[in-house]
């Protein structure tokens, strides 16, 4: 039995196999429409979510399985004080696989250590969000053809953004990936990511504060929102929330084949006028997320 806590739980070879399976699902979804007949996915979401939770549910339903779970801590026995350890033991009696999101870092790992079914980390605090990373990787691979020899700009909340941390961890394993971190000083990429991930792997990176200065260099621009829920001080959030807004003027500086990704939801950081730009790929990214989660469910349930 395997769990997925971190993108690095998958080797490069396993990741390639997962991408190939997701690609085959995309090409012929009917072939997989009954693979999970009789199987149940539990979605245990202690934090609000639209895309991730519904993407998991859509993936399981399209595979022929069923779904149960809760969408917030208030609607579960966590509101009565039940621990994650006890909850996952109960869920293991009801379902065949579980996707869990929790505001506390490490909660998914605790669940996995007590579970008798495969557990997927659907986001734990500001730590990891591996299935979003798989979604990002599939989008890049499908639209760029390779992970090698790219310059990726990651913009916005790089301090608390778990999607950014997970993506950096995954991409450093490929050849000649250059990272440009674009953020205000208060939201810079954490030191441990720079030291333990980038520098340890010899990855090339730079840090800037102005998006306009680096737009012409980028093959991919990965935008993120400033997350109100990660701030202790409302004044800091208000001051930083509109620090970067991607609009037509900034897009005019970019390469013709650059692509814009965003884990969503967006607030103000991408103007709606960008949605019609052929380089805006964030809604396609959502669809890729369903295919890669379908592939992951099949892999962890050993139904491939």
C-alpha atoms as a PDB file:
ATOM      1  CA  UNK A   1       0.000   0.000   0.000  1.00  0.00           C
ATOM      2  CA  UNK A   2       1.306   3.441  -0.972  1.00  0.00           C
ATOM      3  CA  UNK A   3       0.407   6.992  -0.013  1.00  0.00           C
ATOM      4  CA  UNK A   4       1.170  10.307  -1.718  1.00  0.00           C
ATOM      5  CA  UNK A   5       2.378  12.958   0.727  1.00  0.00           C
ATOM      6  CA  UNK A   6       4.936  14.787  -1.381  1.00  0.00           C
ATOM      7  CA  UNK A   7       5.672  15.024  -5.118  1.00  0.00           C
ATOM      8  CA  UNK A   8       9.041  13.415  -4.377  1.00  0.00           C
ATOM      9  CA  UNK A   9       7.262  10.247  -3.254  1.00  0.00           C
ATOM     10  CA  UNK A  10       7.207   9.479  -6.992  1.00  0.00           C
ATOM     11  CA  UNK A  11      10.443   8.787  -8.826  1.00  0.00           C
ATOM     12  CA  UNK A  12      10.992  10.462 -12.190  1.00  0.00           C
ATOM     13  CA  UNK A  13      10.218   7.115 -13.849  1.00  0.00           C
ATOM     14  CA  UNK A  14       6.989   6.695 -11.856  1.00  0.00           C
ATOM     15  CA  UNK A  15       6.036  10.257 -12.714  1.00  0.00           C
ATOM     16  CA  UNK A  16       6.574   9.505 -16.407  1.00  0.00           C
ATOM     17  CA  UNK A  17       4.314   6.442 -16.092  1.00  0.00           C
ATOM     18  CA  UNK A  18       1.643   8.510 -14.326  1.00  0.00           C
ATOM     19  CA  UNK A  19       1.785  11.171 -17.061  1.00  0.00           C
ATOM     20  CA  UNK A  20       1.481   8.493 -19.745  1.00  0.00           C
ATOM     21  CA  UNK A  21      -1.557   6.992 -18.012  1.00  0.00           C
ATOM     22  CA  UNK A  22      -3.202  10.411 -17.618  1.00  0.00           C
ATOM     23  CA  UNK A  23      -2.536  11.127 -21.286  1.00  0.00           C
ATOM     24  CA  UNK A  24      -4.193   7.845 -22.264  1.00  0.00           C
ATOM     25  CA  UNK A  25      -7.193   8.656 -20.047  1.00  0.00           C
ATOM     26  CA  UNK A  26      -7.488  12.039 -21.765  1.00  0.00           C
ATOM     27  CA  UNK A  27      -7.466  10.384 -25.197  1.00  0.00           C
ATOM     28  CA  UNK A  28      -9.919   7.587 -24.356  1.00  0.00           C
ATOM     29  CA  UNK A  29     -11.844   8.225 -21.094  1.00  0.00           C
ATOM     30  CA  UNK A  30     -14.471   5.563 -21.866  1.00  0.00           C
ATOM     31  CA  UNK A  31     -11.780   2.893 -21.589  1.00  0.00           C
ATOM     32  CA  UNK A  32     -11.458   3.739 -17.888  1.00  0.00           C
ATOM     33  CA  UNK A  33     -15.087   4.494 -17.040  1.00  0.00           C
ATOM     34  CA  UNK A  34     -15.600   1.306 -14.985  1.00  0.00           C
ATOM     35  CA  UNK A  35     -12.121   0.739 -13.528  1.00  0.00           C
ATOM     36  CA  UNK A  36     -13.253   1.820 -10.049  1.00  0.00           C
ATOM     37  CA  UNK A  37     -16.633   0.101  -9.980  1.00  0.00           C
ATOM     38  CA  UNK A  38     -17.353  -0.800  -6.342  1.00  0.00           C
ATOM     39  CA  UNK A  39     -14.601   1.471  -4.990  1.00  0.00           C
ATOM     40  CA  UNK A  40     -15.158   4.458  -2.677  1.00  0.00           C
ATOM     41  CA  UNK A  41     -13.092   7.628  -2.324  1.00  0.00           C
ATOM     42  CA  UNK A  42     -13.328   9.602   0.930  1.00  0.00           C
ATOM     43  CA  UNK A  43     -12.660  13.338   0.658  1.00  0.00           C
ATOM     44  CA  UNK A  44     -11.773  14.676   4.113  1.00  0.00           C
ATOM     45  CA  UNK A  45     -11.435  18.437   3.726  1.00  0.00           C
ATOM     46  CA  UNK A  46     -10.772  20.350   6.931  1.00  0.00           C
ATOM     47  CA  UNK A  47     -10.214  23.495   4.804  1.00  0.00           C
ATOM     48  CA  UNK A  48     -12.478  25.053   2.148  1.00  0.00           C
ATOM     49  CA  UNK A  49     -11.797  23.954  -1.419  1.00  0.00           C
ATOM     50  CA  UNK A  50     -13.567  24.057  -4.756  1.00  0.00           C
ATOM     51  CA  UNK A  51     -11.159  22.823  -7.421  1.00  0.00           C
ATOM     52  CA  UNK A  52      -9.218  20.210  -5.486  1.00  0.00           C
ATOM     53  CA  UNK A  53     -12.183  18.562  -3.771  1.00  0.00           C
ATOM     54  CA  UNK A  54     -14.453  18.597  -6.809  1.00  0.00           C
ATOM     55  CA  UNK A  55     -11.592  17.490  -9.052  1.00  0.00           C
ATOM     56  CA  UNK A  56     -11.049  14.420  -6.869  1.00  0.00           C
ATOM     57  CA  UNK A  57     -14.756  13.710  -6.817  1.00  0.00           C
ATOM     58  CA  UNK A  58     -15.082  14.142 -10.576  1.00  0.00           C
ATOM     59  CA  UNK A  59     -12.076  11.881 -11.122  1.00  0.00           C
ATOM     60  CA  UNK A  60     -13.518   9.073  -9.003  1.00  0.00           C
ATOM     61  CA  UNK A  61     -16.999   9.364 -10.500  1.00  0.00           C
ATOM     62  CA  UNK A  62     -15.592   9.256 -14.035  1.00  0.00           C
ATOM     63  CA  UNK A  63     -13.760   6.057 -13.089  1.00  0.00           C
ATOM     64  CA  UNK A  64     -17.059   4.485 -12.015  1.00  0.00           C
ATOM     65  CA  UNK A  65     -16.446   4.788  -8.263  1.00  0.00           C
ATOM     66  CA  UNK A  66     -18.344   6.541  -5.502  1.00  0.00           C
ATOM     67  CA  UNK A  67     -17.499   9.396  -3.133  1.00  0.00           C
ATOM     68  CA  UNK A  68     -18.212  10.263   0.475  1.00  0.00           C
ATOM     69  CA  UNK A  69     -16.713  12.783   2.868  1.00  0.00           C
ATOM     70  CA  UNK A  70     -16.969  16.251   4.333  1.00  0.00           C
ATOM     71  CA  UNK A  71     -16.149  19.714   3.002  1.00  0.00           C
ATOM     72  CA  UNK A  72     -15.129  21.497   6.216  1.00  0.00           C
ATOM     73  CA  UNK A  73     -13.956  20.736   9.740  1.00  0.00           C
ATOM     74  CA  UNK A  74     -17.208  22.203  11.086  1.00  0.00           C
ATOM     75  CA  UNK A  75     -19.206  19.492   9.327  1.00  0.00           C
ATOM     76  CA  UNK A  76     -17.119  16.644  10.762  1.00  0.00           C
ATOM     77  CA  UNK A  77     -16.422  15.247  14.233  1.00  0.00           C
ATOM     78  CA  UNK A  78     -13.324  17.471  14.313  1.00  0.00           C
ATOM     79  CA  UNK A  79     -15.760  20.104  15.598  1.00  0.00           C
ATOM     80  CA  UNK A  80     -16.230  17.832  18.622  1.00  0.00           C
ATOM     81  CA  UNK A  81     -12.500  17.456  19.110  1.00  0.00           C
ATOM     82  CA  UNK A  82     -11.868  14.179  17.275  1.00  0.00           C
ATOM     83  CA  UNK A  83      -8.225  13.763  16.215  1.00  0.00           C
ATOM     84  CA  UNK A  84      -7.045  13.210  12.647  1.00  0.00           C
ATOM     85  CA  UNK A  85      -5.688   9.817  13.773  1.00  0.00           C
ATOM     86  CA  UNK A  86      -9.093   8.657  14.956  1.00  0.00           C
ATOM     87  CA  UNK A  87     -10.921  10.104  11.958  1.00  0.00           C
ATOM     88  CA  UNK A  88      -8.732   8.265   9.435  1.00  0.00           C
ATOM     89  CA  UNK A  89      -9.194   4.986  11.311  1.00  0.00           C
ATOM     90  CA  UNK A  90     -12.947   5.442  10.984  1.00  0.00           C
ATOM     91  CA  UNK A  91     -12.715   6.482   7.335  1.00  0.00           C
ATOM     92  CA  UNK A  92     -10.615   3.371   6.615  1.00  0.00           C
ATOM     93  CA  UNK A  93     -13.684   1.301   7.523  1.00  0.00           C
ATOM     94  CA  UNK A  94     -15.857   3.137   4.996  1.00  0.00           C
ATOM     95  CA  UNK A  95     -13.680   3.783   1.949  1.00  0.00           C
ATOM     96  CA  UNK A  96     -10.923   2.321  -0.225  1.00  0.00           C
ATOM     97  CA  UNK A  97      -8.836   5.494  -0.630  1.00  0.00           C
ATOM     98  CA  UNK A  98      -8.789   8.928   1.012  1.00  0.00           C
ATOM     99  CA  UNK A  99      -7.861  12.466  -0.049  1.00  0.00           C
ATOM    100  CA  UNK A 100      -7.245  14.766   2.922  1.00  0.00           C
ATOM    101  CA  UNK A 101      -6.744  18.535   3.167  1.00  0.00           C
ATOM    102  CA  UNK A 102      -5.828  20.111   6.488  1.00  0.00           C
ATOM    103  CA  UNK A 103      -4.592  23.547   7.610  1.00  0.00           C
ATOM    104  CA  UNK A 104      -1.872  22.011   9.813  1.00  0.00           C
ATOM    105  CA  UNK A 105       1.399  20.983   8.223  1.00  0.00           C
ATOM    106  CA  UNK A 106       2.068  17.281   8.651  1.00  0.00           C
ATOM    107  CA  UNK A 107      -1.572  16.330   9.276  1.00  0.00           C
ATOM    108  CA  UNK A 108      -1.725  14.203   6.119  1.00  0.00           C
ATOM    109  CA  UNK A 109       1.401  12.326   7.218  1.00  0.00           C
ATOM    110  CA  UNK A 110      -0.202  11.595  10.582  1.00  0.00           C
ATOM    111  CA  UNK A 111      -3.277  10.280   8.766  1.00  0.00           C
ATOM    112  CA  UNK A 112      -1.164   8.078   6.496  1.00  0.00           C
ATOM    113  CA  UNK A 113       0.672   6.589   9.498  1.00  0.00           C
ATOM    114  CA  UNK A 114      -2.641   5.438  11.021  1.00  0.00           C
ATOM    115  CA  UNK A 115      -4.539   4.495   7.856  1.00  0.00           C
ATOM    116  CA  UNK A 116      -5.205   1.066   6.396  1.00  0.00           C
ATOM    117  CA  UNK A 117      -6.084   2.579   2.998  1.00  0.00           C
ATOM    118  CA  UNK A 118      -4.020   4.769   0.623  1.00  0.00           C
ATOM    119  CA  UNK A 119      -3.994   8.443   1.659  1.00  0.00           C
ATOM    120  CA  UNK A 120      -3.431  11.358  -0.711  1.00  0.00           C
ATOM    121  CA  UNK A 121      -2.283  14.693   0.678  1.00  0.00           C
ATOM    122  CA  UNK A 122      -4.635  17.268  -0.867  1.00  0.00           C
ATOM    123  CA  UNK A 123      -2.803  20.142   0.840  1.00  0.00           C
ATOM    124  CA  UNK A 124      -1.408  20.571   4.345  1.00  0.00           C
ATOM    125  CA  UNK A 125      -1.003  24.144   5.552  1.00  0.00           C
ATOM    126  CA  UNK A 126       1.757  25.993   3.718  1.00  0.00           C
ATOM    127  CA  UNK A 127       3.726  22.787   3.264  1.00  0.00           C
ATOM    128  CA  UNK A 128       2.849  20.533   0.303  1.00  0.00           C
ATOM    129  CA  UNK A 129       0.131  20.166  -2.336  1.00  0.00           C
ATOM    130  CA  UNK A 130       1.338  17.224  -4.442  1.00  0.00           C
ATOM    131  CA  UNK A 131      -1.710  16.715  -6.668  1.00  0.00           C
ATOM    132  CA  UNK A 132      -1.633  20.379  -7.690  1.00  0.00           C
ATOM    133  CA  UNK A 133       2.010  19.809  -8.582  1.00  0.00           C
ATOM    134  CA  UNK A 134       1.044  16.770 -10.655  1.00  0.00           C
ATOM    135  CA  UNK A 135      -1.559  18.951 -12.376  1.00  0.00           C
ATOM    136  CA  UNK A 136       1.050  21.652 -13.052  1.00  0.00           C
ATOM    137  CA  UNK A 137       3.536  19.099 -14.387  1.00  0.00           C
ATOM    138  CA  UNK A 138       0.994  17.477 -16.682  1.00  0.00           C
ATOM    139  CA  UNK A 139       0.007  20.896 -18.040  1.00  0.00           C
ATOM    140  CA  UNK A 140       3.640  21.827 -18.715  1.00  0.00           C
ATOM    141  CA  UNK A 141       4.411  18.467 -20.298  1.00  0.00           C
ATOM    142  CA  UNK A 142       1.293  18.466 -22.463  1.00  0.00           C
ATOM    143  CA  UNK A 143       1.736  22.035 -23.698  1.00  0.00           C
ATOM    144  CA  UNK A 144       5.534  22.388 -23.747  1.00  0.00           C
ATOM    145  CA  UNK A 145       6.467  18.791 -24.512  1.00  0.00           C
ATOM    146  CA  UNK A 146       9.230  18.615 -21.887  1.00  0.00           C
ATOM    147  CA  UNK A 147      10.291  19.758 -18.428  1.00  0.00           C
ATOM    148  CA  UNK A 148      13.871  20.382 -19.536  1.00  0.00           C
ATOM    149  CA  UNK A 149      15.436  23.677 -20.638  1.00  0.00           C
ATOM    150  CA  UNK A 150      12.728  26.028 -19.398  1.00  0.00           C
ATOM    151  CA  UNK A 151      12.706  29.308 -17.491  1.00  0.00           C
ATOM    152  CA  UNK A 152       9.802  29.510 -15.075  1.00  0.00           C
ATOM    153  CA  UNK A 153       8.781  32.621 -13.172  1.00  0.00           C
ATOM    154  CA  UNK A 154       6.871  32.083  -9.931  1.00  0.00           C
ATOM    155  CA  UNK A 155       5.076  35.234  -8.851  1.00  0.00           C
ATOM    156  CA  UNK A 156       3.219  36.405  -5.753  1.00  0.00           C
ATOM    157  CA  UNK A 157       3.043  34.640  -2.409  1.00  0.00           C
ATOM    158  CA  UNK A 158       6.174  32.512  -2.450  1.00  0.00           C
ATOM    159  CA  UNK A 159       6.492  32.343   1.345  1.00  0.00           C
ATOM    160  CA  UNK A 160       3.208  30.616   2.168  1.00  0.00           C
ATOM    161  CA  UNK A 161       2.357  29.186  -1.264  1.00  0.00           C
ATOM    162  CA  UNK A 162       2.443  25.397  -0.922  1.00  0.00           C
ATOM    163  CA  UNK A 163       1.854  24.980  -4.658  1.00  0.00           C
ATOM    164  CA  UNK A 164       5.083  26.887  -5.338  1.00  0.00           C
ATOM    165  CA  UNK A 165       7.093  24.869  -2.819  1.00  0.00           C
ATOM    166  CA  UNK A 166       5.874  21.569  -4.243  1.00  0.00           C
ATOM    167  CA  UNK A 167       6.479  22.606  -7.859  1.00  0.00           C
ATOM    168  CA  UNK A 168      10.036  23.735  -7.151  1.00  0.00           C
ATOM    169  CA  UNK A 169      10.750  20.416  -5.440  1.00  0.00           C
ATOM    170  CA  UNK A 170       9.514  18.537  -8.486  1.00  0.00           C
ATOM    171  CA  UNK A 171      11.167  20.609 -11.225  1.00  0.00           C
ATOM    172  CA  UNK A 172      14.690  20.633  -9.773  1.00  0.00           C
ATOM    173  CA  UNK A 173      14.972  16.992 -10.831  1.00  0.00           C
ATOM    174  CA  UNK A 174      14.984  17.966 -14.509  1.00  0.00           C
ATOM    175  CA  UNK A 175      17.729  19.415 -16.706  1.00  0.00           C
ATOM    176  CA  UNK A 176      18.463  23.115 -17.067  1.00  0.00           C
ATOM    177  CA  UNK A 177      15.349  24.446 -15.332  1.00  0.00           C
ATOM    178  CA  UNK A 178      15.864  28.092 -14.370  1.00  0.00           C
ATOM    179  CA  UNK A 179      13.729  29.636 -11.624  1.00  0.00           C
ATOM    180  CA  UNK A 180      12.831  33.321 -11.300  1.00  0.00           C
ATOM    181  CA  UNK A 181      11.144  34.190  -8.001  1.00  0.00           C
ATOM    182  CA  UNK A 182       9.053  37.355  -8.209  1.00  0.00           C
ATOM    183  CA  UNK A 183       7.721  38.673  -4.911  1.00  0.00           C
ATOM    184  CA  UNK A 184       7.796  41.531  -2.408  1.00  0.00           C
ATOM    185  CA  UNK A 185      10.422  41.141   0.327  1.00  0.00           C
ATOM    186  CA  UNK A 186       7.805  40.020   2.862  1.00  0.00           C
ATOM    187  CA  UNK A 187       6.696  37.062   0.702  1.00  0.00           C
ATOM    188  CA  UNK A 188      10.012  35.737  -0.607  1.00  0.00           C
ATOM    189  CA  UNK A 189      10.678  32.045  -1.120  1.00  0.00           C
ATOM    190  CA  UNK A 190      11.706  30.495   2.237  1.00  0.00           C
ATOM    191  CA  UNK A 191      15.379  30.017   2.994  1.00  0.00           C
ATOM    192  CA  UNK A 192      15.026  26.259   3.401  1.00  0.00           C
ATOM    193  CA  UNK A 193      13.713  25.959  -0.184  1.00  0.00           C
ATOM    194  CA  UNK A 194      16.718  27.901  -1.470  1.00  0.00           C
ATOM    195  CA  UNK A 195      19.260  25.981   0.601  1.00  0.00           C
ATOM    196  CA  UNK A 196      17.818  22.460   0.806  1.00  0.00           C
ATOM    197  CA  UNK A 197      16.204  22.248  -2.621  1.00  0.00           C
ATOM    198  CA  UNK A 198      17.637  24.727  -5.131  1.00  0.00           C
ATOM    199  CA  UNK A 199      21.252  25.055  -4.017  1.00  0.00           C
ATOM    200  CA  UNK A 200      21.515  21.408  -3.005  1.00  0.00           C
ATOM    201  CA  UNK A 201      20.513  20.413  -6.541  1.00  0.00           C
ATOM    202  CA  UNK A 202      22.614  23.080  -8.261  1.00  0.00           C
ATOM    203  CA  UNK A 203      19.537  24.798  -9.717  1.00  0.00           C
ATOM    204  CA  UNK A 204      19.874  28.261 -11.234  1.00  0.00           C
ATOM    205  CA  UNK A 205      17.603  30.857  -9.620  1.00  0.00           C
ATOM    206  CA  UNK A 206      17.179  34.582  -9.120  1.00  0.00           C
ATOM    207  CA  UNK A 207      14.933  36.789  -6.984  1.00  0.00           C
ATOM    208  CA  UNK A 208      13.335  40.013  -8.231  1.00  0.00           C
ATOM    209  CA  UNK A 209      10.554  42.315  -7.114  1.00  0.00           C
ATOM    210  CA  UNK A 210       9.347  43.672 -10.497  1.00  0.00           C
ATOM    211  CA  UNK A 211       7.428  41.360 -12.811  1.00  0.00           C
ATOM    212  CA  UNK A 212       7.969  43.634 -15.820  1.00  0.00           C
ATOM    213  CA  UNK A 213      11.750  43.233 -15.617  1.00  0.00           C
ATOM    214  CA  UNK A 214      11.667  39.484 -16.266  1.00  0.00           C
ATOM    215  CA  UNK A 215       8.599  38.925 -18.467  1.00  0.00           C
ATOM    216  CA  UNK A 216      10.599  38.712 -21.733  1.00  0.00           C
ATOM    217  CA  UNK A 217      12.777  35.897 -20.342  1.00  0.00           C
ATOM    218  CA  UNK A 218      10.018  33.536 -19.219  1.00  0.00           C
ATOM    219  CA  UNK A 219       8.733  30.373 -20.870  1.00  0.00           C
ATOM    220  CA  UNK A 220       6.169  29.893 -18.087  1.00  0.00           C
ATOM    221  CA  UNK A 221       4.675  32.388 -15.654  1.00  0.00           C
ATOM    222  CA  UNK A 222       3.146  30.757 -12.584  1.00  0.00           C
ATOM    223  CA  UNK A 223       0.940  33.304 -10.811  1.00  0.00           C
ATOM    224  CA  UNK A 224      -0.301  32.856  -7.254  1.00  0.00           C
ATOM    225  CA  UNK A 225      -2.697  34.776  -5.054  1.00  0.00           C
ATOM    226  CA  UNK A 226      -1.768  36.369  -1.762  1.00  0.00           C
ATOM    227  CA  UNK A 227      -3.585  34.112   0.690  1.00  0.00           C
ATOM    228  CA  UNK A 228      -5.560  35.912   3.370  1.00  0.00           C
ATOM    229  CA  UNK A 229      -5.837  32.707   5.418  1.00  0.00           C
ATOM    230  CA  UNK A 230      -2.039  32.516   5.852  1.00  0.00           C
ATOM    231  CA  UNK A 231      -1.724  36.009   7.364  1.00  0.00           C
ATOM    232  CA  UNK A 232      -1.884  36.811  11.073  1.00  0.00           C
ATOM    233  CA  UNK A 233      -2.141  40.537  10.397  1.00  0.00           C
ATOM    234  CA  UNK A 234      -5.000  41.889   8.263  1.00  0.00           C
ATOM    235  CA  UNK A 235      -3.088  45.114   7.553  1.00  0.00           C
ATOM    236  CA  UNK A 236      -0.212  43.164   5.986  1.00  0.00           C
ATOM    237  CA  UNK A 237      -2.652  41.231   3.807  1.00  0.00           C
ATOM    238  CA  UNK A 238      -4.402  44.402   2.567  1.00  0.00           C
ATOM    239  CA  UNK A 239      -1.052  46.048   1.815  1.00  0.00           C
ATOM    240  CA  UNK A 240       0.256  43.100  -0.232  1.00  0.00           C
ATOM    241  CA  UNK A 241      -2.821  41.539  -1.852  1.00  0.00           C
ATOM    242  CA  UNK A 242      -2.698  43.642  -5.040  1.00  0.00           C
ATOM    243  CA  UNK A 243       1.095  43.875  -5.290  1.00  0.00           C
ATOM    244  CA  UNK A 244       1.084  42.059  -8.654  1.00  0.00           C
ATOM    245  CA  UNK A 245      -1.683  42.244 -11.222  1.00  0.00           C
ATOM    246  CA  UNK A 246      -1.088  40.585 -14.591  1.00  0.00           C
ATOM    247  CA  UNK A 247      -2.776  42.556 -17.375  1.00  0.00           C
ATOM    248  CA  UNK A 248      -2.571  43.066 -21.147  1.00  0.00           C
ATOM    249  CA  UNK A 249       0.192  45.624 -20.800  1.00  0.00           C
ATOM    250  CA  UNK A 250       2.463  43.193 -18.951  1.00  0.00           C
ATOM    251  CA  UNK A 251       1.512  40.341 -21.294  1.00  0.00           C
ATOM    252  CA  UNK A 252       2.701  42.447 -24.234  1.00  0.00           C
ATOM    253  CA  UNK A 253       6.237  42.082 -22.856  1.00  0.00           C
ATOM    254  CA  UNK A 254       6.134  38.267 -22.926  1.00  0.00           C
ATOM    255  CA  UNK A 255       7.178  35.731 -25.547  1.00  0.00           C
ATOM    256  CA  UNK A 256       4.567  34.618 -28.052  1.00  0.00           C
ATOM    257  CA  UNK A 257       4.764  31.045 -26.750  1.00  0.00           C
ATOM    258  CA  UNK A 258       4.967  31.808 -23.039  1.00  0.00           C
ATOM    259  CA  UNK A 259       2.152  30.282 -21.005  1.00  0.00           C
ATOM    260  CA  UNK A 260       0.449  31.543 -17.865  1.00  0.00           C
ATOM    261  CA  UNK A 261      -0.495  29.060 -15.153  1.00  0.00           C
ATOM    262  CA  UNK A 262      -2.317  29.613 -11.857  1.00  0.00           C
ATOM    263  CA  UNK A 263      -3.391  27.022  -9.248  1.00  0.00           C
ATOM    264  CA  UNK A 264      -6.608  29.046  -8.686  1.00  0.00           C
ATOM    265  CA  UNK A 265      -8.656  30.529  -7.177  1.00  0.00           C
ATOM    266  CA  UNK A 266      -7.562  33.929  -8.394  1.00  0.00           C
ATOM    267  CA  UNK A 267      -8.603  37.191  -6.802  1.00  0.00           C
ATOM    268  CA  UNK A 268      -7.124  40.253  -8.511  1.00  0.00           C
ATOM    269  CA  UNK A 269      -3.718  38.964  -9.566  1.00  0.00           C
ATOM    270  CA  UNK A 270      -4.774  38.119 -13.141  1.00  0.00           C
ATOM    271  CA  UNK A 271      -7.041  40.602 -14.878  1.00  0.00           C
ATOM    272  CA  UNK A 272     -10.009  39.009 -16.673  1.00  0.00           C
ATOM    273  CA  UNK A 273      -8.782  40.702 -19.872  1.00  0.00           C
ATOM    274  CA  UNK A 274      -5.951  38.149 -19.927  1.00  0.00           C
ATOM    275  CA  UNK A 275      -8.401  35.230 -20.119  1.00  0.00           C
ATOM    276  CA  UNK A 276      -8.797  35.634 -23.885  1.00  0.00           C
ATOM    277  CA  UNK A 277      -5.037  35.602 -24.496  1.00  0.00           C
ATOM    278  CA  UNK A 278      -4.016  32.292 -26.128  1.00  0.00           C
ATOM    279  CA  UNK A 279      -1.160  32.081 -23.614  1.00  0.00           C
ATOM    280  CA  UNK A 280      -3.569  31.916 -20.648  1.00  0.00           C
ATOM    281  CA  UNK A 281      -3.676  28.211 -19.786  1.00  0.00           C
ATOM    282  CA  UNK A 282      -5.081  28.178 -16.237  1.00  0.00           C
ATOM    283  CA  UNK A 283      -8.508  26.847 -17.179  1.00  0.00           C
ATOM    284  CA  UNK A 284      -6.970  24.071 -19.289  1.00  0.00           C
ATOM    285  CA  UNK A 285      -4.839  23.367 -16.228  1.00  0.00           C
ATOM    286  CA  UNK A 286      -8.018  22.583 -14.267  1.00  0.00           C
ATOM    287  CA  UNK A 287      -9.046  19.925 -16.795  1.00  0.00           C
ATOM    288  CA  UNK A 288      -5.600  18.341 -16.731  1.00  0.00           C
ATOM    289  CA  UNK A 289      -6.046  18.105 -12.949  1.00  0.00           C
ATOM    290  CA  UNK A 290      -8.952  15.685 -13.359  1.00  0.00           C
ATOM    291  CA  UNK A 291      -6.981  13.384 -15.674  1.00  0.00           C
ATOM    292  CA  UNK A 292      -3.914  13.240 -13.442  1.00  0.00           C
ATOM    293  CA  UNK A 293      -6.028  12.546 -10.338  1.00  0.00           C
ATOM    294  CA  UNK A 294      -7.792   9.749 -12.212  1.00  0.00           C
ATOM    295  CA  UNK A 295      -4.380   8.278 -13.035  1.00  0.00           C
ATOM    296  CA  UNK A 296      -3.231   8.650  -9.429  1.00  0.00           C
ATOM    297  CA  UNK A 297      -6.313   6.949  -7.982  1.00  0.00           C
ATOM    298  CA  UNK A 298      -5.895   4.010 -10.346  1.00  0.00           C
ATOM    299  CA  UNK A 299      -2.191   3.752  -9.525  1.00  0.00           C
ATOM    300  CA  UNK A 300      -2.605   3.819  -5.738  1.00  0.00           C
ATOM    301  CA  UNK A 301      -5.485   1.322  -5.908  1.00  0.00           C
ATOM    302  CA  UNK A 302      -3.307  -0.878  -8.172  1.00  0.00           C
ATOM    303  CA  UNK A 303      -5.993  -0.935 -10.867  1.00  0.00           C
ATOM    304  CA  UNK A 304      -3.724  -0.023 -13.789  1.00  0.00           C
END
